[in-house]
Amino acid sequence: MRLGTRLVIALVVPLVVLMTLFGYLDQRISARHLHVELSREGRAVVRTSQLALEDYLRDRQLDDLHELADQISNFERILGIRIFGADGGLIYQSRSLDVHPFAEPDTLGQVLGGARRSETQRVLGAHPVISFLVPLSSPQGDIVGALQVLQLESYVDEDARQARESVALVTLAMILATTGIVLLVTRVGVSRPVEDLVRRFRDVRSNELPDRITVRRRDELGRLALEFNGMCDRLQSSQRQLAAEQEERRRMEDRMRNAE
């Protein structure tokens, strides 16, 4: 396996792990904050609706009550509302709730019996919701009914999905950028100098002393090039010394033949 490939793997694997961990933590924190903000928004809608509906019930303005209920049901994050009378009977229900029967009679009884309010997380069909159930009171303080508001939580899931997609895109971009940079750096800064050194070592092995390497860097490859140049100088010096010794031996042999 080439050095660049090893470096890419060594960098990409920790990067993917870190980005996955970051995405998970960011999603958990964002989801917690969104749940808090969603609950606050739901309480504000419920409180506003509660005050308006109490006025309509007090004045027996049922047409206005239904109109307000329709307007509340059309809110983007509201799945629907229900209005109950003092006896627990259903006065109004959003059309979107026709397929979801009321499933909190015990909680309704507690609210009508004097409990302040109820806030629970439920799943209606495929919709995760927060169910707000609050009493409706008369000016004298008597409980004259109850209001249920079902607020959608699917926006939290949608935000989480978008966050995962964003983290995945950022991770992919970082992987591509890291891979490109590492391969470019290793190709220019490592592979080419190493290949040049390998070629020159082959020349030395074939008894051909190559030209010296021009050293332009002070890193490990620069020191390796200096050592290679030093080795070539020593080999060249040894070759010259050997050639001189051979020439001297040849002259001695010639003198001995002339003496004979």
Protein backbone atom coordinates (compact mmCIF):
# COMPACT_ATOMS: atom_id res chain seq x y z
CA MET A 1 0.00 0.00 0.00
CA ARG A 2 1.36 3.40 -0.99
CA LEU A 3 2.26 5.99 1.61
CA GLY A 4 -0.42 8.44 0.41
CA THR A 5 -3.14 5.80 0.73
CA ARG A 6 -1.99 4.95 4.24
CA LEU A 7 -2.03 8.60 5.24
CA VAL A 8 -5.50 9.06 3.78
CA ILE A 9 -6.84 6.09 5.75
CA ALA A 10 -5.06 7.24 8.92
CA LEU A 11 -6.66 10.69 8.62
CA VAL A 12 -10.09 9.82 7.23
CA VAL A 13 -11.02 7.16 9.78
CA PRO A 14 -10.50 9.43 12.84
CA LEU A 15 -12.19 12.27 10.94
CA VAL A 16 -15.29 10.17 10.29
CA VAL A 17 -15.39 9.03 13.93
CA LEU A 18 -15.03 12.60 15.24
CA MET A 19 -17.64 14.02 12.86
CA THR A 20 -20.06 11.21 13.72
CA LEU A 21 -19.60 11.88 17.43
CA PHE A 22 -19.96 15.63 16.87
CA GLY A 23 -23.13 15.12 14.81
CA TYR A 24 -24.64 12.85 17.47
CA LEU A 25 -23.92 15.28 20.31
CA ASP A 26 -25.08 18.28 18.27
CA GLN A 27 -28.29 16.49 17.36
CA ARG A 28 -29.00 15.56 20.99
CA ILE A 29 -28.38 19.12 22.19
CA SER A 30 -30.39 20.67 19.34
CA ALA A 31 -33.28 18.26 19.91
CA ARG A 32 -33.34 19.14 23.61
CA HIS A 33 -33.40 22.86 22.85
CA LEU A 34 -36.08 22.40 20.20
CA HIS A 35 -38.26 20.43 22.61
CA VAL A 36 -37.94 23.23 25.15
CA GLU A 37 -38.76 25.92 22.60
CA LEU A 38 -41.63 23.86 21.19
CA SER A 39 -43.10 23.43 24.66
CA ARG A 40 -42.82 27.16 25.33
CA GLU A 41 -44.52 27.94 22.06
CA GLY A 42 -47.26 25.44 22.81
CA ARG A 43 -47.86 26.89 26.27
CA ALA A 44 -48.12 30.37 24.78
CA VAL A 45 -50.69 29.19 22.19
CA VAL A 46 -52.63 27.32 24.88
CA ARG A 47 -52.64 30.29 27.27
CA THR A 48 -53.81 32.72 24.57
CA SER A 49 -56.47 30.30 23.36
CA GLN A 50 -57.55 29.56 26.93
CA LEU A 51 -58.22 33.24 27.72
CA ALA A 52 -60.09 33.83 24.46
CA LEU A 53 -62.21 30.68 24.78
CA GLU A 54 -63.12 31.49 28.37
CA ASP A 55 -64.49 34.84 27.18
CA TYR A 56 -66.48 33.18 24.38
CA LEU A 57 -67.88 30.54 26.73
CA ARG A 58 -68.81 33.21 29.25
CA ASP A 59 -70.70 35.20 26.64
CA ARG A 60 -72.04 32.04 24.95
CA GLN A 61 -70.58 33.17 21.60
CA LEU A 62 -70.42 29.69 20.14
CA ASP A 63 -70.00 30.84 16.54
CA ASP A 64 -67.00 32.96 17.50
CA LEU A 65 -65.69 30.06 19.57
CA HIS A 66 -65.79 27.72 16.58
CA GLU A 67 -64.18 30.33 14.35
CA LEU A 68 -61.33 30.83 16.83
CA ALA A 69 -60.92 27.08 17.19
CA ASP A 70 -60.63 26.76 13.40
CA GLN A 71 -58.02 29.49 13.31
CA ILE A 72 -55.98 27.79 16.04
CA SER A 73 -56.22 24.46 14.20
CA ASN A 74 -54.73 26.09 11.11
CA PHE A 75 -51.51 27.01 12.90
CA GLU A 76 -48.53 25.37 11.25
CA ARG A 77 -47.42 23.34 14.26
CA ILE A 78 -50.85 22.55 15.67
CA LEU A 79 -52.34 19.17 14.75
CA GLY A 80 -55.73 20.10 16.20
CA ILE A 81 -57.71 21.12 19.29
CA ARG A 82 -60.65 19.84 21.30
CA ILE A 83 -63.01 21.79 23.54
CA PHE A 84 -64.90 20.00 26.30
CA GLY A 85 -67.80 21.12 28.45
CA ALA A 86 -67.94 21.01 32.24
CA ASP A 87 -69.40 17.50 32.09
CA GLY A 88 -66.59 16.23 29.86
CA GLY A 89 -68.72 16.24 26.73
CA LEU A 90 -67.04 17.20 23.47
CA ILE A 91 -68.10 20.66 22.26
CA TYR A 92 -65.69 21.07 19.36
CA GLN A 93 -63.03 18.99 17.61
CA SER A 94 -60.74 19.83 14.69
CA ARG A 95 -61.40 17.82 11.52
CA SER A 96 -57.79 16.61 11.62
CA LEU A 97 -58.60 14.77 14.85
CA ASP A 98 -61.59 12.85 13.52
CA VAL A 99 -59.38 9.81 12.89
CA HIS A 100 -57.73 10.09 16.32
CA PRO A 101 -60.22 9.35 19.11
CA PHE A 102 -59.72 11.04 22.45
CA ALA A 103 -57.62 8.77 24.68
CA GLU A 104 -57.14 10.75 27.90
CA PRO A 105 -60.42 10.50 29.83
CA ASP A 106 -58.68 10.10 33.18
CA THR A 107 -56.52 13.16 32.59
CA LEU A 108 -59.59 15.11 31.47
CA GLY A 109 -61.40 14.13 34.65
CA GLN A 110 -58.49 15.36 36.75
CA VAL A 111 -58.36 18.69 34.87
CA LEU A 112 -62.12 19.21 35.22
CA GLY A 113 -61.86 18.19 38.85
CA GLY A 114 -59.53 21.06 39.68
CA ALA A 115 -56.07 20.12 38.42
CA ARG A 116 -54.28 23.06 36.87
CA ARG A 117 -53.07 21.57 33.59
CA SER A 118 -51.59 18.50 31.89
CA GLU A 119 -48.74 18.30 29.40
CA THR A 120 -47.82 14.89 27.98
CA GLN A 121 -46.01 13.50 24.94
CA ARG A 122 -48.04 11.09 22.83
CA VAL A 123 -48.06 9.50 19.38
CA LEU A 124 -51.19 9.83 17.27
CA GLY A 125 -50.88 7.59 14.26
CA ALA A 126 -47.54 8.60 12.75
CA HIS A 127 -47.51 11.99 14.49
CA PRO A 128 -45.50 12.56 17.70
CA VAL A 129 -47.32 15.33 19.57
CA ILE A 130 -47.38 17.22 22.86
CA SER A 131 -50.85 17.12 24.37
CA PHE A 132 -51.78 20.20 26.41
CA LEU A 133 -54.95 19.83 28.46
CA VAL A 134 -56.03 22.88 30.48
CA PRO A 135 -59.24 23.91 32.29
CA LEU A 136 -61.52 26.70 31.13
CA SER A 137 -62.80 28.80 34.00
CA SER A 138 -65.58 31.31 34.48
CA PRO A 139 -64.95 34.77 35.99
CA GLN A 140 -66.11 33.34 39.35
CA GLY A 141 -63.42 30.65 39.16
CA ASP A 142 -65.71 27.75 38.34
CA ILE A 143 -64.44 25.24 35.78
CA VAL A 144 -66.75 25.38 32.76
CA GLY A 145 -64.82 23.18 30.42
CA ALA A 146 -61.40 22.11 29.17
CA LEU A 147 -59.18 22.73 26.18
CA GLN A 148 -56.87 20.24 24.55
CA VAL A 149 -54.21 21.44 22.11
CA LEU A 150 -52.13 18.87 20.21
CA GLN A 151 -48.84 20.34 19.02
CA LEU A 152 -46.79 18.51 16.40
CA GLU A 153 -43.26 17.40 17.29
CA SER A 154 -42.41 16.24 13.78
CA TYR A 155 -40.50 19.50 13.30
CA VAL A 156 -37.94 18.20 15.79
CA ASP A 157 -37.47 15.05 13.71
CA GLU A 158 -37.26 17.13 10.51
CA ASP A 159 -34.62 19.38 12.07
CA ALA A 160 -32.68 16.31 13.25
CA ARG A 161 -32.81 14.86 9.72
CA GLN A 162 -31.53 18.12 8.23
CA ALA A 163 -28.77 18.25 10.86
CA ARG A 164 -27.68 14.69 9.97
CA GLU A 165 -27.64 15.57 6.28
CA SER A 166 -25.58 18.70 6.98
CA VAL A 167 -23.05 16.76 9.06
CA ALA A 168 -22.86 14.07 6.37
CA LEU A 169 -22.24 16.66 3.63
CA VAL A 170 -19.60 18.47 5.71
CA THR A 171 -17.92 15.14 6.52
CA LEU A 172 -17.91 14.13 2.85
CA ALA A 173 -16.46 17.50 1.83
CA MET A 174 -13.75 17.23 4.50
CA ILE A 175 -12.92 13.68 3.42
CA LEU A 176 -12.58 14.74 -0.23
CA ALA A 177 -10.52 17.79 0.68
CA THR A 178 -8.29 15.80 3.05
CA THR A 179 -7.80 13.04 0.47
CA GLY A 180 -6.91 15.53 -2.26
CA ILE A 181 -4.49 17.49 -0.08
CA VAL A 182 -2.78 14.38 1.32
CA LEU A 183 -2.38 12.77 -2.10
CA LEU A 184 -1.06 16.02 -3.60
CA VAL A 185 1.38 16.63 -0.74
CA THR A 186 2.64 13.05 -0.69
CA ARG A 187 2.96 13.00 -4.48
CA VAL A 188 4.89 16.26 -4.71
CA GLY A 189 6.68 16.30 -1.37
CA VAL A 190 7.32 12.60 -0.71
CA SER A 191 6.71 10.25 -3.63
CA ARG A 192 8.75 12.13 -6.22
CA PRO A 193 11.84 12.64 -4.00
CA VAL A 194 11.67 9.02 -2.87
CA GLU A 195 11.32 7.76 -6.43
CA ASP A 196 14.31 9.92 -7.43
CA LEU A 197 16.35 8.42 -4.58
CA VAL A 198 15.31 4.88 -5.59
CA ARG A 199 16.40 5.53 -9.19
CA ARG A 200 19.77 6.87 -8.05
CA PHE A 201 20.29 3.87 -5.73
CA ARG A 202 19.67 1.62 -8.72
CA ASP A 203 22.33 3.52 -10.63
CA VAL A 204 24.75 2.96 -7.75
CA ARG A 205 23.91 -0.74 -7.74
CA SER A 206 24.79 -0.90 -11.44
CA ASN A 207 28.21 0.70 -10.67
CA GLU A 208 27.19 4.04 -12.12
CA LEU A 209 27.62 6.97 -9.80
CA PRO A 210 24.71 9.36 -10.40
CA ASP A 211 24.81 13.11 -10.13
CA ARG A 212 24.52 14.55 -6.66
CA ILE A 213 21.08 15.51 -5.39
CA THR A 214 20.43 19.20 -4.94
CA VAL A 215 19.27 19.56 -1.33
CA ARG A 216 16.58 22.22 -0.95
CA ARG A 217 14.85 21.03 2.21
CA ARG A 218 15.86 20.41 5.81
CA ASP A 219 13.45 17.65 6.74
CA GLU A 220 13.98 13.89 6.87
CA LEU A 221 14.12 13.61 3.07
CA GLY A 222 16.70 16.42 2.99
CA ARG A 223 18.90 14.57 5.49
CA LEU A 224 18.44 11.37 3.49
CA ALA A 225 19.60 13.22 0.34
CA LEU A 226 22.67 14.53 2.22
CA GLU A 227 23.52 11.02 3.35
CA PHE A 228 23.11 9.77 -0.22
CA ASN A 229 25.45 12.50 -1.52
CA GLY A 230 27.96 11.61 1.20
CA MET A 231 27.75 7.93 0.26
CA CYS A 232 28.34 8.80 -3.39
CA ASP A 233 31.37 10.94 -2.44
CA ARG A 234 32.83 8.08 -0.41
CA LEU A 235 32.22 5.60 -3.21
CA GLN A 236 33.83 7.93 -5.73
CA SER A 237 36.82 8.44 -3.45
CA SER A 238 37.12 4.67 -3.00
CA GLN A 239 36.95 4.15 -6.77
CA ARG A 240 39.69 6.71 -7.34
CA GLN A 241 41.86 5.14 -4.66
CA LEU A 242 41.26 1.70 -6.12
CA ALA A 243 42.10 2.94 -9.62
CA ALA A 244 45.30 4.56 -8.32
CA GLU A 245 46.32 1.33 -6.56
CA GLN A 246 45.63 -0.67 -9.71
CA GLU A 247 47.71 1.77 -11.78
CA GLU A 248 50.58 1.56 -9.29
CA ARG A 249 50.42 -2.23 -9.37
CA ARG A 250 50.49 -2.21 -13.16
CA ARG A 251 53.61 0.02 -13.18
CA MET A 252 55.35 -2.25 -10.68
CA GLU A 253 54.55 -5.25 -12.81
CA ASP A 254 55.98 -3.46 -15.86
CA ARG A 255 59.21 -2.62 -13.98
CA MET A 256 59.54 -6.22 -12.82
CA ARG A 257 59.11 -7.49 -16.37
CA ASN A 258 61.72 -4.98 -17.63
CA ALA A 259 64.14 -6.03 -14.85
CA GLU A 260 63.76 -9.69 -15.84
